N, C-alpha and C. Protein backbone atom coordinates (compact mmCIF):
# COMPACT_ATOMS: atom_id res chain seq x y z
N MET A 1 -42.04 48.52 -23.48
CA MET A 1 -41.16 47.06 -23.13
C MET A 1 -40.84 46.30 -21.66
N PRO A 2 -41.30 45.13 -21.54
CA PRO A 2 -41.55 44.21 -20.47
C PRO A 2 -40.68 44.50 -19.40
N VAL A 3 -40.23 43.82 -18.98
CA VAL A 3 -39.45 43.78 -18.19
C VAL A 3 -38.89 42.67 -18.03
N TRP A 4 -39.93 41.79 -18.55
CA TRP A 4 -38.77 40.32 -18.70
C TRP A 4 -38.23 40.33 -20.23
N PHE A 5 -38.76 41.17 -21.04
CA PHE A 5 -38.77 41.17 -22.31
C PHE A 5 -36.63 41.73 -21.99
N GLU A 6 -36.59 43.09 -21.41
CA GLU A 6 -35.31 43.43 -21.29
C GLU A 6 -34.39 42.34 -20.87
N VAL A 7 -34.80 41.88 -19.89
CA VAL A 7 -34.39 41.37 -18.90
C VAL A 7 -33.51 39.97 -20.21
N SER A 8 -34.59 39.04 -20.43
CA SER A 8 -34.06 37.99 -21.60
C SER A 8 -32.78 38.77 -22.80
N VAL A 9 -33.04 40.03 -23.28
CA VAL A 9 -32.02 40.13 -24.05
C VAL A 9 -30.49 40.51 -23.79
N VAL A 10 -30.64 41.05 -22.43
CA VAL A 10 -29.78 41.06 -21.74
C VAL A 10 -28.72 39.77 -21.13
N VAL A 11 -29.78 38.82 -21.13
CA VAL A 11 -29.13 37.78 -20.67
C VAL A 11 -28.46 36.83 -22.07
N ALA A 12 -29.29 36.98 -22.99
CA ALA A 12 -29.16 36.61 -24.56
C ALA A 12 -27.66 37.23 -24.91
N PHE A 13 -27.41 38.76 -24.65
CA PHE A 13 -26.14 39.34 -25.00
C PHE A 13 -24.91 38.90 -24.10
N ALA A 14 -25.58 38.56 -22.66
CA ALA A 14 -24.33 37.79 -21.61
C ALA A 14 -24.03 36.48 -22.52
N ILE A 15 -25.02 35.80 -22.70
CA ILE A 15 -24.17 34.62 -23.31
C ILE A 15 -23.81 34.71 -24.50
N ALA A 16 -24.41 35.64 -25.11
CA ALA A 16 -23.28 35.38 -26.43
C ALA A 16 -21.97 36.49 -26.52
N ALA A 17 -21.52 37.11 -25.68
CA ALA A 17 -20.47 37.68 -24.87
C ALA A 17 -19.54 36.70 -24.55
N VAL A 18 -20.09 36.22 -23.69
CA VAL A 18 -19.24 35.04 -23.20
C VAL A 18 -18.62 33.77 -24.32
N PHE A 19 -19.51 33.84 -25.29
CA PHE A 19 -19.33 32.13 -26.23
C PHE A 19 -18.20 33.72 -27.34
N PHE A 20 -18.67 34.50 -27.28
CA PHE A 20 -17.43 35.56 -28.35
C PHE A 20 -16.27 35.38 -27.16
N PHE A 21 -15.79 36.01 -26.73
CA PHE A 21 -14.80 35.74 -25.70
C PHE A 21 -13.87 34.71 -25.65
N ALA A 22 -14.62 33.64 -25.65
CA ALA A 22 -14.23 32.47 -25.21
C ALA A 22 -13.53 32.04 -26.98
N LYS A 23 -14.42 32.34 -28.20
CA LYS A 23 -13.83 32.11 -29.67
C LYS A 23 -12.42 32.21 -29.38
N TYR A 24 -12.73 34.17 -29.16
CA TYR A 24 -11.70 35.27 -29.46
C TYR A 24 -10.61 34.24 -28.70
N ARG A 25 -10.88 33.94 -27.31
CA ARG A 25 -9.33 33.39 -26.55
C ARG A 25 -9.09 31.88 -26.91
N GLU A 26 -10.00 31.73 -28.02
CA GLU A 26 -9.37 29.98 -28.19
C GLU A 26 -8.39 30.31 -29.88
N THR A 27 -9.04 31.53 -30.44
CA THR A 27 -8.42 32.21 -32.10
C THR A 27 -6.65 32.85 -31.63
N ALA A 28 -6.69 33.45 -30.57
CA ALA A 28 -5.20 33.95 -29.43
C ALA A 28 -4.37 33.11 -29.84
N ALA A 29 -5.14 31.28 -28.48
CA ALA A 29 -4.41 30.61 -28.67
C ALA A 29 -3.34 30.35 -29.49
N ALA A 30 -4.63 29.66 -30.26
CA ALA A 30 -4.40 29.63 -31.96
C ALA A 30 -2.60 29.98 -32.37
N LEU A 31 -3.24 31.44 -32.36
CA LEU A 31 -2.01 32.18 -33.32
C LEU A 31 -1.01 31.63 -32.33
N HIS A 32 -0.73 32.01 -30.64
CA HIS A 32 0.17 32.00 -30.47
C HIS A 32 1.17 30.80 -30.45
N GLU A 33 0.10 29.41 -30.34
CA GLU A 33 0.99 27.88 -30.84
C GLU A 33 1.38 28.53 -32.16
N SER A 34 1.03 29.38 -32.82
CA SER A 34 1.20 29.15 -34.77
C SER A 34 2.15 29.93 -35.05
N GLU A 35 2.37 30.88 -34.29
CA GLU A 35 4.10 31.46 -33.87
C GLU A 35 5.25 31.16 -33.05
N ARG A 36 4.45 30.35 -32.41
CA ARG A 36 5.80 29.55 -31.10
C ARG A 36 6.05 28.36 -32.27
N MET A 37 5.16 27.76 -33.05
CA MET A 37 5.54 26.71 -33.69
C MET A 37 6.70 27.50 -35.25
N LYS A 38 6.46 28.51 -35.72
CA LYS A 38 7.02 29.31 -37.02
C LYS A 38 8.46 29.13 -36.39
N THR A 39 8.71 29.73 -34.93
CA THR A 39 10.05 30.35 -34.43
C THR A 39 10.69 29.06 -34.17
N ARG A 40 10.23 27.99 -33.42
CA ARG A 40 10.41 26.58 -33.12
C ARG A 40 11.13 26.12 -34.13
N LEU A 41 10.44 26.10 -35.92
CA LEU A 41 10.93 25.67 -36.51
C LEU A 41 11.93 26.00 -37.74
N SER A 42 12.11 27.78 -37.23
CA SER A 42 13.27 28.82 -37.67
C SER A 42 13.56 27.89 -37.06
N ASN A 43 14.38 28.27 -36.13
CA ASN A 43 15.40 27.88 -35.08
C ASN A 43 16.29 26.36 -35.71
N ASP A 44 15.05 25.28 -35.90
CA ASP A 44 15.91 23.88 -36.42
C ASP A 44 16.31 24.57 -38.07
N LEU A 45 15.33 25.31 -38.91
CA LEU A 45 16.26 25.19 -40.24
C LEU A 45 17.27 25.88 -40.18
N ASN A 46 18.08 26.80 -39.11
CA ASN A 46 18.48 28.38 -38.99
C ASN A 46 20.20 27.06 -38.51
N ARG A 47 19.49 26.14 -37.82
CA ARG A 47 20.61 24.94 -37.25
C ARG A 47 21.04 23.54 -38.06
N TYR A 48 20.05 24.00 -38.99
CA TYR A 48 20.57 22.96 -40.09
C TYR A 48 20.89 23.04 -41.26
N LYS A 49 21.27 24.35 -41.81
CA LYS A 49 21.27 25.25 -42.62
C LYS A 49 22.67 24.00 -43.40
N ASP A 50 23.59 24.13 -42.37
CA ASP A 50 25.15 23.74 -43.60
C ASP A 50 24.72 22.22 -44.05
N VAL A 51 23.56 21.52 -43.31
CA VAL A 51 23.03 20.04 -44.03
C VAL A 51 23.62 19.84 -45.33
N PRO A 52 23.27 20.59 -46.93
CA PRO A 52 24.04 20.06 -47.75
C PRO A 52 25.16 20.12 -47.45
N ARG A 53 26.14 21.12 -47.59
CA ARG A 53 27.50 21.31 -47.52
C ARG A 53 28.34 19.98 -46.70
N LEU A 54 27.92 19.16 -45.35
CA LEU A 54 28.09 17.95 -44.95
C LEU A 54 27.30 16.89 -46.09
N ARG A 55 26.65 16.79 -46.60
CA ARG A 55 26.05 15.95 -47.48
C ARG A 55 27.04 16.12 -48.75
N ALA A 56 27.32 17.06 -49.23
CA ALA A 56 28.76 17.22 -50.48
C ALA A 56 29.79 16.93 -49.56
N LEU A 57 30.18 17.27 -48.63
CA LEU A 57 31.57 16.29 -48.23
C LEU A 57 31.57 14.89 -48.05
N ARG A 58 30.05 14.72 -47.51
CA ARG A 58 30.02 13.03 -47.36
C ARG A 58 30.40 12.42 -48.70
N ASP A 59 29.12 13.00 -49.95
CA ASP A 59 29.60 12.53 -51.22
C ASP A 59 30.54 12.57 -51.72
N ALA A 60 31.79 13.64 -51.14
CA ALA A 60 32.96 13.64 -52.06
C ALA A 60 34.24 12.54 -51.30
N LEU A 61 33.73 12.27 -50.28
CA LEU A 61 34.60 11.82 -49.44
C LEU A 61 34.18 9.91 -49.87
N VAL A 62 33.20 9.41 -49.75
CA VAL A 62 32.97 8.62 -49.93
C VAL A 62 32.28 8.16 -51.17
N GLY A 63 32.29 9.05 -52.33
CA GLY A 63 31.90 8.96 -53.57
C GLY A 63 32.23 7.96 -54.51
N ASN A 64 31.63 7.92 -55.44
CA ASN A 64 32.08 6.70 -56.99
C ASN A 64 32.99 7.30 -57.78
N LYS A 65 33.32 9.09 -57.70
CA LYS A 65 34.16 9.79 -58.19
C LYS A 65 35.50 9.27 -56.93
N PRO A 66 36.38 9.61 -57.60
CA PRO A 66 37.59 10.24 -57.14
C PRO A 66 38.24 11.96 -56.65
N LEU A 67 38.43 11.86 -55.49
CA LEU A 67 39.26 13.07 -55.56
C LEU A 67 40.02 13.30 -56.25
N PRO A 68 40.28 14.36 -56.47
CA PRO A 68 41.88 14.68 -57.58
C PRO A 68 43.37 14.28 -56.00
N VAL A 69 44.24 13.57 -56.81
CA VAL A 69 45.27 13.62 -56.16
C VAL A 69 46.31 14.06 -56.43
N ASP A 70 47.45 14.89 -56.03
CA ASP A 70 48.82 15.20 -56.23
C ASP A 70 49.83 14.05 -56.39
N ASP A 71 51.10 14.67 -56.47
CA ASP A 71 52.03 13.50 -56.57
C ASP A 71 52.50 12.73 -54.89
N ASN A 72 51.89 13.91 -54.08
CA ASN A 72 52.24 13.47 -52.92
C ASN A 72 51.32 12.10 -51.89
N GLY A 73 49.97 12.01 -52.70
CA GLY A 73 49.65 10.92 -52.18
C GLY A 73 48.13 11.47 -51.69
N ASN A 74 48.24 12.85 -51.58
CA ASN A 74 47.07 14.18 -50.99
C ASN A 74 45.87 13.55 -52.00
N GLU A 75 44.54 14.24 -51.29
CA GLU A 75 43.45 14.00 -51.68
C GLU A 75 42.93 16.10 -51.95
N HIS A 76 42.77 16.48 -52.63
CA HIS A 76 42.02 17.74 -52.63
C HIS A 76 40.80 17.77 -52.82
N LEU A 77 39.75 18.85 -51.80
CA LEU A 77 38.60 19.06 -51.98
C LEU A 77 38.27 20.75 -51.33
N LEU A 78 37.52 21.47 -52.70
CA LEU A 78 37.04 22.50 -52.30
C LEU A 78 35.70 22.20 -51.89
N LEU A 79 35.48 23.24 -50.45
CA LEU A 79 34.04 23.83 -50.02
C LEU A 79 33.89 24.75 -49.60
N ARG A 80 32.91 25.38 -49.12
CA ARG A 80 32.11 26.15 -48.81
C ARG A 80 31.74 26.34 -47.23
N ASP A 81 32.26 26.83 -46.50
CA ASP A 81 31.44 26.90 -45.14
C ASP A 81 30.24 28.10 -45.18
N GLY A 82 29.87 27.80 -43.86
CA GLY A 82 28.09 28.68 -43.40
C GLY A 82 28.22 30.59 -44.05
N ASP A 83 29.84 31.05 -43.83
CA ASP A 83 29.54 32.15 -44.77
C ASP A 83 29.85 32.37 -46.10
N LEU A 84 30.45 30.94 -46.90
CA LEU A 84 30.11 30.85 -48.19
C LEU A 84 31.80 31.23 -48.97
N LYS A 85 32.58 30.70 -47.39
CA LYS A 85 34.02 30.64 -48.20
C LYS A 85 34.68 30.11 -48.27
N LEU A 86 35.43 29.83 -49.23
CA LEU A 86 35.52 29.07 -49.92
C LEU A 86 37.29 28.03 -49.07
N HIS A 87 37.28 26.99 -49.12
CA HIS A 87 38.02 26.34 -48.25
C HIS A 87 38.69 25.10 -48.95
N HIS A 88 40.12 24.82 -48.46
CA HIS A 88 40.53 24.45 -49.42
C HIS A 88 41.11 23.16 -48.62
N LEU A 89 40.71 21.63 -48.49
CA LEU A 89 40.53 20.35 -48.19
C LEU A 89 42.15 19.83 -48.48
N ILE A 90 42.70 19.65 -47.34
CA ILE A 90 43.69 18.66 -48.14
C ILE A 90 43.46 17.34 -47.25
N LEU A 91 43.54 16.02 -47.91
CA LEU A 91 43.17 14.70 -46.90
C LEU A 91 44.37 13.94 -47.24
N ARG A 92 45.00 13.09 -46.57
CA ARG A 92 45.37 11.59 -46.67
C ARG A 92 45.16 10.76 -46.13
N ARG A 93 44.37 9.95 -46.91
CA ARG A 93 43.64 8.68 -47.08
C ARG A 93 44.91 7.58 -45.96
N GLU A 94 44.93 7.26 -44.70
CA GLU A 94 45.04 5.75 -44.75
C GLU A 94 44.24 4.92 -44.27
N SER A 95 44.37 3.24 -44.43
CA SER A 95 43.48 2.58 -43.54
C SER A 95 44.30 1.24 -43.61
N THR A 96 43.50 0.42 -42.39
CA THR A 96 44.56 -0.72 -42.14
C THR A 96 43.08 -1.66 -42.23
N PRO A 97 43.11 -3.25 -42.33
CA PRO A 97 42.48 -3.75 -42.10
C PRO A 97 42.06 -3.55 -40.50
N VAL A 98 40.96 -4.31 -39.73
CA VAL A 98 40.47 -4.81 -38.71
C VAL A 98 40.50 -6.30 -38.40
N HIS A 99 41.12 -7.03 -37.69
CA HIS A 99 40.67 -8.47 -37.41
C HIS A 99 39.66 -8.66 -35.92
N ASP A 100 39.38 -9.76 -36.08
CA ASP A 100 38.09 -9.87 -35.20
C ASP A 100 38.60 -9.67 -34.30
N GLU A 101 39.75 -10.11 -33.57
CA GLU A 101 40.17 -9.93 -32.01
C GLU A 101 40.80 -8.64 -32.04
N GLU A 102 41.40 -7.72 -32.60
CA GLU A 102 41.93 -6.23 -32.80
C GLU A 102 41.03 -5.27 -32.28
N GLU A 103 41.12 -4.09 -31.39
CA GLU A 103 40.46 -2.76 -31.33
C GLU A 103 40.81 -1.90 -32.16
N ALA A 104 39.89 -1.30 -32.79
CA ALA A 104 40.02 -0.09 -33.46
C ALA A 104 40.25 0.73 -32.82
N THR A 105 41.10 1.66 -32.89
CA THR A 105 41.19 3.18 -31.63
C THR A 105 41.72 4.44 -32.78
N TYR A 106 41.82 5.61 -32.06
CA TYR A 106 42.17 6.56 -32.52
C TYR A 106 42.47 7.33 -31.46
N ILE A 107 43.26 8.42 -31.57
CA ILE A 107 43.90 8.85 -30.63
C ILE A 107 43.09 10.39 -30.34
N LYS A 108 42.68 10.77 -29.12
CA LYS A 108 42.24 11.67 -28.81
C LYS A 108 42.84 12.39 -27.51
N ASN A 109 43.56 13.75 -27.44
CA ASN A 109 43.73 14.13 -26.54
C ASN A 109 45.03 13.38 -26.21
N GLY A 110 45.96 12.78 -26.96
CA GLY A 110 46.97 11.88 -26.79
C GLY A 110 47.08 10.19 -26.14
N GLU A 111 45.26 9.90 -26.02
CA GLU A 111 44.57 9.26 -25.11
C GLU A 111 44.60 7.65 -26.46
N PRO A 112 44.87 6.84 -26.44
CA PRO A 112 44.17 5.39 -27.31
C PRO A 112 42.12 5.74 -27.03
N VAL A 113 41.79 5.55 -28.03
CA VAL A 113 39.92 5.89 -27.72
C VAL A 113 39.36 4.57 -28.75
N LYS A 114 38.64 4.06 -28.20
CA LYS A 114 38.14 2.54 -28.97
C LYS A 114 37.05 3.23 -30.14
N LEU A 115 36.89 3.22 -31.06
CA LEU A 115 35.80 3.44 -31.52
C LEU A 115 34.29 2.81 -31.60
N PRO A 116 33.53 3.73 -31.27
CA PRO A 116 32.47 3.12 -31.22
C PRO A 116 31.34 2.15 -32.06
N GLU A 117 32.02 2.64 -32.83
CA GLU A 117 30.85 1.78 -33.97
C GLU A 117 31.48 -0.13 -33.71
N PHE A 118 32.33 -0.40 -32.62
CA PHE A 118 32.47 -2.24 -32.61
C PHE A 118 32.10 -1.73 -31.15
N GLU A 119 31.89 -1.37 -30.28
CA GLU A 119 31.05 -1.58 -29.08
C GLU A 119 29.55 -2.14 -28.79
């Protein structure tokens, strides 16, 4: 076999090896990115897994159907937590009208705090 043919075969194999390893690195990087995104999305789903329960609480508090009311005026709601344990919430609603010149506040740590919705 002539020397030039052996050299051209070796050069062709070297070029093919470079392309093969480049494609391998690209595929490995894509798989790594896919695993990273899967982990991130899984963590996001775990963080927001209680959203249906929060929506149920919101719908119960502001929905069209009234909650059951006892003789003292307390409203009652059953709600499950993350461990699916059932909790009985007893709510007492009090409302006062807010005029334009007044500040709406609530008490936190013994101090009145202005509601951020009015800022």
